[in-house]
Amino acid sequence: MSAPPRVVIAAPASGHGKTTVATGLIAAFTRRGDVVSPHKVGPDYIDPGYHALAAGRVGRNLDPFLVGEERIGPLFAHGARGADLAVIEGVMGLFDGAAGRGGYASTAHVARLLGAPVVLVVDARAQSRSVAALVRGFDTFEPAVGVAGVVLNRVGSDRHESMLREALDEIGMPVLGVLRRHDSIAKPARHLGLVPVAERHADAVRTVEALGELIARSVDLAAVRRIAAGARALPDAPWNAAEEVGGPVAGRPRIALAGGSAFTFAYAETAELLGAAGAEVVTVDPLRDERLPERTAGLVVGGGFPEVYAAELAANATLRADVVALAGRGGPIAAECAGLLYLARSLDGAPMCGVLPADARMTERLTLGYREATAAHDSVLAATGRVVRGHEFHRTTLTPRAGGRPAWSLGETGFEGHVVGSVHASYLHTHWAGAPDLPRRFVDACVAAGATAGTPVPSGTGEEVTLGA
């Protein structure tokens, strides 16, 4: 399979307009009849939702820290099957990656791995000729990563645009498009960034349509397409979920995957890996569904914004009781971040499931960053000593942070998370494509739990499973 033409949308720093341009390009090319494959560098869950809405197909993440650089090409090829063009939105500044790792997992790193040309989006406020020095620096900083063209954002006037174009012409840098200051389109945000598409679908549709129209009239789409066609050929075979997990198990256990407005953070590969391992994956919305699906053998609750919906989650007492019952009979549950909060006794005073002997609350402090973690105890996800890579992204705190059997050791920063019987819950977001033994182990645990249904939670944990009052 030959990978399609591709282009990376980057910027000197966050806030220059990458998401506006990337989402608008995806929407504009899609409206022209192209099949566009949308991708996002880094761990962010929210931008891919807007990309998916613009493209009409799944938005996928490309993060070397989480999945290993050897999987970037295969994951890209997997996601871009059948596409005419791929648009890859960068993260932070072009060369910003994992701290202390020399640009590892940066946008530039992914551009190199994919042989993809870079278009730089530059917020041109309060500068004129200096823009040429800025762009030249980014163009030459790493010889293997050059800038193929620039989109100027927040340009103030015709005169301002003329000065910027003259400056970039001095260094031979093509200007592919210009967005004026008044062209900005409101994208509702909250404490962790943009509001996810699932929470404002109708408004999100209008936003994406407006972005597509803006970019179609402001950017030279033909020039962008020519730049994308300059991407080098990739030798990578598409990522294969079945090969990663070693094929399906017998028994086809049913695994519920939390979704809906409160639990929007999930990588597409999570369900694909569980399915490839032999599970039947079904969705449950804790805001709307009063019961777990019939024959649920296991539950995966990823990230999202339960703090926004705490009252509604608390009101759904029948589903909370089902979750407690599943844990009580030894049904495997894997929970990350928002899922951790949902399994706690309370969240900002509102009762949650009470599977974990802990309470959560919102804070002003943002916890954000990549982590290397070691499994502190055997669980339905990992054996003791298994090292994984993940990231944290939240403004909540859990008391206690770790249970009597912590989920992970984070080295000098201590232990984190809870392992309670068949439950593994922590703040750590992991990308299972980078650790396919985790979903395989989880599916195996679901099969085993089905064979021993009714067996109580093992004693000796010192942690009682009861429904939060």
Protein backbone atom coordinates (compact mmCIF):
# COMPACT_ATOMS: atom_id res chain seq x y z
CA MET A 1 0.00 0.00 0.00
CA SER A 2 1.30 3.45 -0.85
CA ALA A 3 0.56 6.15 1.72
CA PRO A 4 -1.37 9.16 0.39
CA PRO A 5 0.00 12.68 -0.07
CA ARG A 6 0.33 14.31 3.33
CA VAL A 7 1.08 17.63 4.98
CA VAL A 8 1.86 18.61 8.56
CA ILE A 9 0.29 21.79 9.96
CA ALA A 10 2.70 23.23 12.52
CA ALA A 11 3.35 26.53 14.32
CA PRO A 12 6.08 28.32 16.27
CA ALA A 13 4.09 27.79 19.49
CA SER A 14 0.64 26.96 20.81
CA GLY A 15 -2.01 29.55 20.09
CA HIS A 16 -0.95 30.48 16.54
CA GLY A 17 -3.98 28.83 14.91
CA LYS A 18 -2.98 25.26 14.02
CA THR A 19 -6.37 23.80 14.85
CA THR A 20 -8.20 26.48 12.86
CA VAL A 21 -6.08 25.87 9.77
CA ALA A 22 -5.88 22.07 10.06
CA THR A 23 -9.59 21.58 10.69
CA GLY A 24 -10.45 24.11 7.99
CA LEU A 25 -8.21 22.37 5.46
CA ILE A 26 -9.75 18.99 6.25
CA ALA A 27 -13.24 20.43 5.83
CA ALA A 28 -12.36 22.38 2.67
CA PHE A 29 -10.73 19.43 0.89
CA THR A 30 -13.56 17.12 1.98
CA ARG A 31 -16.14 19.53 0.55
CA ARG A 32 -14.25 19.40 -2.75
CA GLY A 33 -14.74 15.63 -2.86
CA ASP A 34 -11.39 14.46 -1.49
CA VAL A 35 -11.23 11.63 1.03
CA VAL A 36 -9.13 13.20 3.79
CA SER A 37 -7.41 11.26 6.56
CA PRO A 38 -7.11 13.43 9.70
CA HIS A 39 -4.34 12.98 12.26
CA LYS A 40 -3.10 14.74 15.39
CA VAL A 41 0.44 14.70 16.78
CA GLY A 42 0.53 14.11 20.53
CA PRO A 43 -1.90 12.72 23.09
CA ASP A 44 -4.73 15.25 22.69
CA TYR A 45 -8.20 13.70 22.50
CA ILE A 46 -10.29 16.75 21.63
CA ASP A 47 -8.84 18.08 18.35
CA PRO A 48 -9.29 14.69 16.60
CA GLY A 49 -13.02 14.96 17.30
CA TYR A 50 -13.21 18.16 15.26
CA HIS A 51 -10.99 16.62 12.59
CA ALA A 52 -13.32 13.61 12.39
CA LEU A 53 -16.36 15.83 12.05
CA ALA A 54 -14.66 17.71 9.20
CA ALA A 55 -13.48 14.57 7.39
CA GLY A 56 -16.34 12.17 8.03
CA ARG A 57 -13.87 9.54 9.21
CA VAL A 58 -12.01 8.79 12.43
CA GLY A 59 -9.37 11.24 13.63
CA ARG A 60 -6.27 9.44 14.90
CA ASN A 61 -3.33 10.37 17.10
CA LEU A 62 0.35 9.93 16.24
CA ASP A 63 2.46 10.05 19.40
CA PRO A 64 5.94 8.45 19.41
CA PHE A 65 6.22 8.73 23.18
CA LEU A 66 3.05 6.72 23.77
CA VAL A 67 3.33 4.14 20.99
CA GLY A 68 7.03 4.12 19.98
CA GLU A 69 8.42 5.73 16.87
CA GLU A 70 8.46 2.37 15.06
CA ARG A 71 4.63 2.36 15.07
CA ILE A 72 4.08 5.87 13.69
CA GLY A 73 4.38 4.86 10.03
CA PRO A 74 2.21 1.74 10.39
CA LEU A 75 -0.45 3.56 12.44
CA PHE A 76 -0.51 6.35 9.87
CA ALA A 77 -0.86 3.86 7.02
CA HIS A 78 -3.66 2.11 8.91
CA GLY A 79 -5.57 5.31 9.50
CA ALA A 80 -4.99 6.67 5.98
CA ARG A 81 -6.27 3.62 4.09
CA GLY A 82 -8.27 4.71 1.08
CA ALA A 83 -7.57 8.42 1.55
CA ASP A 84 -6.65 10.87 -1.20
CA LEU A 85 -4.86 13.20 1.21
CA ALA A 86 -3.79 13.28 4.85
CA VAL A 87 -3.70 16.38 7.05
CA ILE A 88 -1.66 16.07 10.25
CA GLU A 89 -2.06 18.73 12.93
CA GLY A 90 1.00 19.28 15.08
CA VAL A 91 1.32 19.84 18.81
CA MET A 92 2.67 22.93 20.60
CA GLY A 93 5.61 24.47 18.71
CA LEU A 94 7.18 22.61 15.79
CA PHE A 95 10.17 21.37 17.79
CA ASP A 96 8.52 20.97 21.22
CA GLY A 97 8.34 17.38 22.43
CA ALA A 98 8.76 15.30 25.57
CA ALA A 99 10.69 17.29 28.15
CA GLY A 100 14.41 16.57 28.26
CA ARG A 101 14.36 14.29 25.22
CA GLY A 102 15.67 16.60 22.52
CA GLY A 103 12.47 17.01 20.54
CA TYR A 104 11.36 13.39 20.79
CA ALA A 105 7.60 13.15 20.12
CA SER A 106 7.55 16.66 18.67
CA THR A 107 5.73 17.65 15.50
CA ALA A 108 9.11 17.79 13.73
CA HIS A 109 9.86 14.24 14.89
CA VAL A 110 6.60 12.93 13.42
CA ALA A 111 7.11 14.92 10.21
CA ARG A 112 10.51 13.23 9.79
CA LEU A 113 9.08 9.78 10.46
CA LEU A 114 6.35 10.34 7.87
CA GLY A 115 8.49 12.14 5.31
CA ALA A 116 5.85 14.86 5.34
CA PRO A 117 6.33 18.52 4.33
CA VAL A 118 5.49 21.19 6.90
CA VAL A 119 3.23 24.20 6.55
CA LEU A 120 3.85 26.76 9.31
CA VAL A 121 0.94 28.75 10.73
CA VAL A 122 2.23 32.07 12.10
CA ASP A 123 0.35 34.54 14.28
CA ALA A 124 1.59 37.74 12.63
CA ARG A 125 0.23 40.24 15.13
CA ALA A 126 2.67 42.94 16.19
CA GLN A 127 5.33 42.08 13.62
CA SER A 128 6.17 42.79 10.02
CA ARG A 129 9.65 42.13 8.57
CA SER A 130 10.63 40.14 11.65
CA VAL A 131 8.33 37.38 10.45
CA ALA A 132 11.03 36.45 7.93
CA ALA A 133 13.61 35.92 10.68
CA LEU A 134 11.14 33.81 12.63
CA VAL A 135 10.23 31.63 9.66
CA ARG A 136 13.83 31.27 8.48
CA GLY A 137 14.80 30.07 11.94
CA PHE A 138 12.14 27.39 11.88
CA ASP A 139 13.01 26.45 8.32
CA THR A 140 16.70 25.90 9.08
CA PHE A 141 16.76 24.78 12.72
CA GLU A 142 16.69 21.10 11.76
CA PRO A 143 17.96 20.41 8.24
CA ALA A 144 15.75 17.34 7.88
CA VAL A 145 12.60 19.34 8.60
CA GLY A 146 12.02 22.28 6.28
CA VAL A 147 9.07 24.64 6.02
CA ALA A 148 7.36 24.36 2.63
CA GLY A 149 5.05 27.34 3.04
CA VAL A 150 3.38 29.68 5.52
CA VAL A 151 -0.16 30.58 6.45
CA LEU A 152 -0.30 34.00 8.10
CA ASN A 153 -2.89 34.38 10.86
CA ARG A 154 -4.39 37.45 12.53
CA VAL A 155 -3.18 39.87 9.87
CA GLY A 156 -4.43 43.39 10.57
CA SER A 157 -4.82 45.11 7.19
CA ASP A 158 -3.91 45.10 3.51
CA ARG A 159 -0.81 47.14 4.34
CA HIS A 160 0.18 44.69 7.07
CA GLU A 161 -0.28 41.78 4.67
CA SER A 162 1.85 43.51 2.05
CA MET A 163 4.73 44.03 4.50
CA LEU A 164 4.59 40.42 5.64
CA ARG A 165 4.57 39.09 2.09
CA GLU A 166 7.50 41.31 1.11
CA ALA A 167 9.52 40.05 4.09
CA LEU A 168 8.82 36.39 3.33
CA ASP A 169 9.55 36.95 -0.34
CA GLU A 170 13.07 38.05 0.70
CA ILE A 171 13.77 34.55 1.98
CA GLY A 172 11.87 32.79 -0.82
CA MET A 173 9.12 31.47 1.44
CA PRO A 174 5.71 30.96 -0.21
CA VAL A 175 2.69 32.50 1.52
CA LEU A 176 -0.07 29.95 1.09
CA GLY A 177 -2.81 31.92 2.78
CA VAL A 178 -3.75 34.87 4.95
CA LEU A 179 -6.33 34.99 7.74
CA ARG A 180 -7.38 38.39 9.06
CA ARG A 181 -7.90 39.21 12.73
CA HIS A 182 -11.65 39.43 12.25
CA ASP A 183 -11.70 35.98 10.63
CA SER A 184 -11.40 34.18 13.97
CA ILE A 185 -14.22 31.72 14.62
CA ALA A 186 -15.30 31.00 18.18
CA LYS A 187 -14.46 27.52 19.39
CA PRO A 188 -15.89 27.07 22.92
CA ALA A 189 -13.27 26.08 25.48
CA ARG A 190 -13.03 25.07 29.11
CA HIS A 191 -10.40 24.11 31.67
CA LEU A 192 -8.78 21.37 29.55
CA GLY A 193 -9.05 23.05 26.14
CA LEU A 194 -11.80 22.94 23.53
CA VAL A 195 -15.21 21.55 24.41
CA PRO A 196 -15.43 18.06 22.84
CA VAL A 197 -17.58 17.60 19.75
CA ALA A 198 -19.86 15.12 21.53
CA GLU A 199 -20.93 17.81 23.99
CA ARG A 200 -21.93 20.41 21.38
CA HIS A 201 -22.49 18.48 18.17
CA ALA A 202 -24.80 20.93 16.40
CA ASP A 203 -22.61 23.92 17.25
CA ALA A 204 -19.50 21.93 16.33
CA VAL A 205 -20.94 21.13 12.91
CA ARG A 206 -21.53 24.83 12.28
CA THR A 207 -18.03 25.70 13.53
CA VAL A 208 -16.39 23.13 11.25
CA GLU A 209 -18.43 24.28 8.27
CA ALA A 210 -17.42 27.88 8.93
CA LEU A 211 -13.76 26.89 9.24
CA GLY A 212 -13.93 25.05 5.93
CA GLU A 213 -15.43 28.08 4.22
CA LEU A 214 -12.84 30.40 5.79
CA ILE A 215 -9.88 28.28 4.70
CA ALA A 216 -11.31 27.67 1.22
CA ARG A 217 -11.41 31.42 0.54
CA SER A 218 -8.21 32.32 2.43
CA VAL A 219 -5.72 29.56 1.55
CA ASP A 220 -4.44 28.33 -1.81
CA LEU A 221 -5.71 24.75 -1.63
CA ALA A 222 -4.04 23.78 -4.90
CA ALA A 223 -0.67 24.90 -3.54
CA VAL A 224 -1.21 22.94 -0.33
CA ARG A 225 -2.10 19.88 -2.39
CA ARG A 226 1.10 20.25 -4.45
CA ILE A 227 3.14 20.49 -1.25
CA ALA A 228 1.46 17.38 0.15
CA ALA A 229 2.28 15.49 -3.04
CA GLY A 230 5.96 16.04 -2.26
CA ALA A 231 5.86 13.69 0.72
CA ARG A 232 8.25 10.79 0.38
CA ALA A 233 7.11 7.22 -0.11
CA LEU A 234 6.66 5.20 3.06
CA PRO A 235 7.75 1.56 3.34
CA ASP A 236 5.52 0.75 6.29
CA ALA A 237 2.80 -1.87 6.13
CA PRO A 238 -0.41 -0.76 7.86
CA TRP A 239 -0.69 -1.46 11.58
CA ASN A 240 -2.56 -4.69 12.25
CA ALA A 241 -4.44 -4.93 15.54
CA ALA A 242 -4.85 -8.71 15.32
CA GLU A 243 -1.11 -9.22 14.92
CA GLU A 244 -0.41 -6.92 17.86
CA VAL A 245 -2.65 -8.81 20.28
CA GLY A 246 -1.86 -12.28 18.94
CA GLY A 247 -5.30 -12.98 17.50
CA PRO A 248 -8.70 -13.50 19.13
CA VAL A 249 -9.41 -15.53 22.24
CA ALA A 250 -12.23 -18.02 22.41
CA GLY A 251 -15.41 -17.03 24.17
CA ARG A 252 -16.08 -13.54 22.71
CA PRO A 253 -16.62 -11.69 26.01
CA ARG A 254 -18.76 -8.57 25.85
CA ILE A 255 -16.86 -5.46 26.97
CA ALA A 256 -18.66 -2.19 27.57
CA LEU A 257 -16.76 0.97 26.59
CA ALA A 258 -17.95 4.16 28.29
CA GLY A 259 -18.94 6.96 25.93
CA GLY A 260 -21.32 9.88 25.69
CA SER A 261 -20.71 13.47 26.68
CA ALA A 262 -18.99 12.73 30.00
CA PHE A 263 -16.47 10.21 28.62
CA THR A 264 -15.22 11.47 25.26
CA PHE A 265 -11.49 10.72 25.61
CA ALA A 266 -10.70 7.51 23.75
CA TYR A 267 -8.26 6.50 21.04
CA ALA A 268 -9.84 4.68 18.10
CA GLU A 269 -7.34 1.86 18.48
CA THR A 270 -8.70 0.94 21.93
CA ALA A 271 -11.89 -0.61 20.56
CA GLU A 272 -9.99 -2.03 17.57
CA LEU A 273 -7.52 -3.85 19.82
CA LEU A 274 -10.23 -5.20 22.12
CA GLY A 275 -12.16 -6.44 19.09
CA ALA A 276 -9.05 -7.99 17.56
CA ALA A 277 -8.40 -9.81 20.84
CA GLY A 278 -11.80 -11.43 20.53
CA ALA A 279 -14.12 -9.15 22.47
CA GLU A 280 -17.51 -7.87 21.45
CA VAL A 281 -17.24 -4.13 22.14
CA VAL A 282 -20.41 -2.22 23.00
CA THR A 283 -20.87 1.39 24.12
CA VAL A 284 -22.50 2.48 27.34
CA ASP A 285 -23.35 6.13 28.10
CA PRO A 286 -23.33 6.69 31.89
CA LEU A 287 -25.43 9.82 31.41
CA ARG A 288 -28.23 8.06 29.53
CA ASP A 289 -28.07 4.27 29.96
CA GLU A 290 -29.61 3.04 33.18
CA ARG A 291 -28.03 -0.41 33.02
CA LEU A 292 -24.89 -2.01 31.67
CA PRO A 293 -25.53 -3.98 28.47
CA GLU A 294 -26.70 -7.53 29.06
CA ARG A 295 -23.91 -10.08 29.46
CA THR A 296 -21.29 -7.40 30.13
CA ALA A 297 -18.11 -9.22 31.17
CA GLY A 298 -15.85 -6.16 31.52
CA LEU A 299 -15.92 -2.38 31.49
CA VAL A 300 -13.48 0.24 30.17
CA VAL A 301 -14.02 3.82 31.34
CA GLY A 302 -11.66 6.31 29.75
CA GLY A 303 -11.20 10.04 30.10
CA GLY A 304 -13.51 12.99 29.75
CA PHE A 305 -15.26 15.58 31.86
CA PRO A 306 -17.23 13.86 34.64
CA GLU A 307 -16.74 16.97 36.79
CA VAL A 308 -19.04 18.85 34.39
CA TYR A 309 -21.71 16.17 34.68
CA ALA A 310 -21.26 15.07 38.30
CA ALA A 311 -24.91 15.69 39.24
CA GLU A 312 -26.23 13.74 36.25
CA LEU A 313 -23.82 10.85 36.84
CA ALA A 314 -24.82 10.76 40.48
CA ALA A 315 -28.51 10.70 39.55
CA ASN A 316 -28.06 7.54 37.48
CA ALA A 317 -27.98 5.32 40.53
CA THR A 318 -29.08 2.17 38.71
CA LEU A 319 -26.06 2.22 36.41
CA ARG A 320 -23.76 2.97 39.33
CA ALA A 321 -25.21 -0.07 41.09
CA ASP A 322 -24.55 -2.19 38.00
CA VAL A 323 -20.90 -1.07 37.98
CA VAL A 324 -20.57 -1.99 41.65
CA ALA A 325 -22.17 -5.37 40.98
CA LEU A 326 -19.80 -6.02 38.07
CA ALA A 327 -16.79 -5.26 40.28
CA GLY A 328 -18.26 -7.32 43.11
CA ARG A 329 -18.50 -10.46 40.99
CA GLY A 330 -14.95 -10.03 39.69
CA GLY A 331 -15.73 -8.45 36.32
CA PRO A 332 -12.62 -6.62 35.05
CA ILE A 333 -12.83 -2.82 35.02
CA ALA A 334 -10.12 -0.55 33.57
CA ALA A 335 -10.51 3.15 34.32
CA GLU A 336 -8.39 6.14 33.31
CA CYS A 337 -8.64 9.65 34.74
CA ALA A 338 -12.37 10.44 34.32
CA GLY A 339 -13.04 6.75 34.84
CA LEU A 340 -11.04 6.91 38.07
CA LEU A 341 -13.25 9.76 39.29
CA TYR A 342 -16.42 7.88 38.32
CA LEU A 343 -15.36 4.84 40.35
CA ALA A 344 -14.54 6.95 43.42
CA ARG A 345 -16.91 7.47 46.34
CA SER A 346 -17.59 11.07 45.43
CA LEU A 347 -16.71 13.85 43.01
CA ASP A 348 -17.03 17.38 44.37
CA GLY A 349 -19.45 15.98 46.95
CA ALA A 350 -21.68 14.18 44.44
CA PRO A 351 -21.89 10.40 44.97
CA MET A 352 -20.15 8.28 42.36
CA CYS A 353 -19.89 4.49 42.18
CA GLY A 354 -17.97 3.94 45.40
CA VAL A 355 -15.93 1.08 43.97
CA LEU A 356 -12.78 2.86 45.19
CA PRO A 357 -12.22 4.06 48.78
CA ALA A 358 -11.33 7.56 47.62
CA ASP A 359 -12.88 10.97 46.98
CA ALA A 360 -12.21 13.43 44.16
CA ARG A 361 -12.51 17.19 43.79
CA MET A 362 -11.71 19.91 41.30
CA THR A 363 -8.67 22.14 41.90
CA GLU A 364 -7.07 25.16 40.24
CA ARG A 365 -3.89 23.23 39.46
CA LEU A 366 -3.36 21.65 36.05
CA THR A 367 -1.50 18.35 36.11
CA LEU A 368 -0.08 17.75 32.66
CA GLY A 369 2.77 15.75 31.19
CA TYR A 370 4.17 12.49 29.93
CA ARG A 371 4.88 9.74 32.44
CA GLU A 372 6.82 6.48 32.59
CA ALA A 373 5.08 4.14 34.99
CA THR A 374 5.75 0.70 36.41
CA ALA A 375 2.92 -1.61 37.42
CA ALA A 376 3.08 -1.79 41.19
CA HIS A 377 0.82 -4.87 41.51
CA ASP A 378 -0.64 -7.56 39.31
CA SER A 379 -3.93 -6.43 37.82
CA VAL A 380 -6.33 -7.11 34.97
CA LEU A 381 -4.17 -4.79 32.85
CA ALA A 382 -0.55 -5.52 33.70
CA ALA A 383 1.74 -7.80 35.63
CA THR A 384 3.90 -6.38 38.39
CA GLY A 385 6.94 -4.65 36.90
CA ARG A 386 5.43 -3.93 33.47
CA VAL A 387 6.71 -0.52 32.34
CA VAL A 388 4.36 1.63 30.28
CA ARG A 389 4.31 5.17 28.95
CA GLY A 390 1.32 7.45 29.39
CA HIS A 391 0.29 11.00 30.14
CA GLU A 392 -1.69 12.92 32.75
CA PHE A 393 -4.09 15.74 31.95
CA HIS A 394 -6.48 16.88 34.68
CA ARG A 395 -7.42 19.56 37.19
CA THR A 396 -8.73 17.21 39.85
CA THR A 397 -7.18 15.51 42.83
CA LEU A 398 -7.98 12.17 44.44
CA THR A 399 -7.68 11.42 48.17
CA PRO A 400 -5.99 9.10 48.78
CA ARG A 401 -3.92 9.32 45.61
CA ALA A 402 -2.98 5.63 45.84
CA GLY A 403 -4.69 2.70 47.49
CA GLY A 404 -3.30 -0.15 49.54
CA ARG A 405 -2.45 -1.78 46.22
CA PRO A 406 -1.40 1.10 43.94
CA ALA A 407 -1.81 0.81 40.19
CA TRP A 408 1.50 2.41 39.20
CA SER A 409 4.84 3.48 40.57
CA LEU A 410 5.92 6.79 39.07
CA GLY A 411 9.45 6.65 40.44
CA GLU A 412 10.47 9.65 42.52
CA THR A 413 6.93 11.04 42.53
CA GLY A 414 5.60 7.95 44.31
CA PHE A 415 2.65 5.65 43.78
CA GLU A 416 -0.60 6.42 42.00
CA GLY A 417 -3.93 4.75 41.36
CA HIS A 418 -5.85 1.83 42.84
CA VAL A 419 -6.02 -1.89 42.18
CA VAL A 420 -9.08 -3.31 43.94
CA GLY A 421 -9.88 -6.91 43.08
CA SER A 422 -10.58 -6.91 39.35
CA VAL A 423 -10.50 -3.11 39.10
CA HIS A 424 -7.55 -1.09 37.78
CA ALA A 425 -8.03 2.67 38.07
CA SER A 426 -5.58 5.54 37.76
CA TYR A 427 -5.03 9.02 36.36
CA LEU A 428 -2.63 7.68 33.73
CA HIS A 429 -3.86 7.78 30.12
CA THR A 430 -2.24 5.04 28.04
CA HIS A 431 -2.41 4.40 24.30
CA TRP A 432 -2.95 0.65 24.01
CA ALA A 433 -1.43 0.54 20.53
CA GLY A 434 1.88 1.15 22.31
CA ALA A 435 1.23 -1.65 24.82
CA PRO A 436 -0.97 -4.24 23.10
CA ASP A 437 -0.39 -6.75 25.87
CA LEU A 438 -2.67 -4.59 28.06
CA PRO A 439 -5.86 -5.06 26.04
CA ARG A 440 -5.00 -8.72 25.47
CA ARG A 441 -4.55 -9.27 29.20
CA PHE A 442 -7.81 -7.43 29.86
CA VAL A 443 -9.77 -9.57 27.39
CA ASP A 444 -8.22 -12.72 28.84
CA ALA A 445 -9.30 -11.53 32.31
CA CYS A 446 -12.85 -11.01 31.02
CA VAL A 447 -12.95 -14.57 29.69
CA ALA A 448 -11.64 -15.90 32.99
CA ALA A 449 -14.13 -13.82 34.96
CA GLY A 450 -16.97 -15.19 32.86
CA ALA A 451 -15.89 -18.71 33.74
CA THR A 452 -15.97 -17.87 37.45
CA ALA A 453 -18.97 -15.52 37.52
CA GLY A 454 -20.23 -14.98 41.03
CA THR A 455 -16.84 -15.33 42.68
CA PRO A 456 -16.52 -12.49 45.22
CA VAL A 457 -13.73 -9.93 45.19
CA PRO A 458 -10.60 -11.50 46.76
CA SER A 459 -10.25 -10.76 50.45
CA GLY A 460 -7.17 -9.19 51.96
CA THR A 461 -7.29 -5.98 49.95
CA GLY A 462 -8.59 -4.03 52.91
CA GLU A 463 -10.86 -2.20 50.45
CA GLU A 464 -14.58 -2.82 50.41
CA VAL A 465 -16.62 -2.52 47.22
CA THR A 466 -19.86 -0.69 48.03
CA LEU A 467 -22.10 1.74 46.22
CA GLY A 468 -21.42 5.37 47.07
CA ALA A 469 -24.33 6.83 49.00
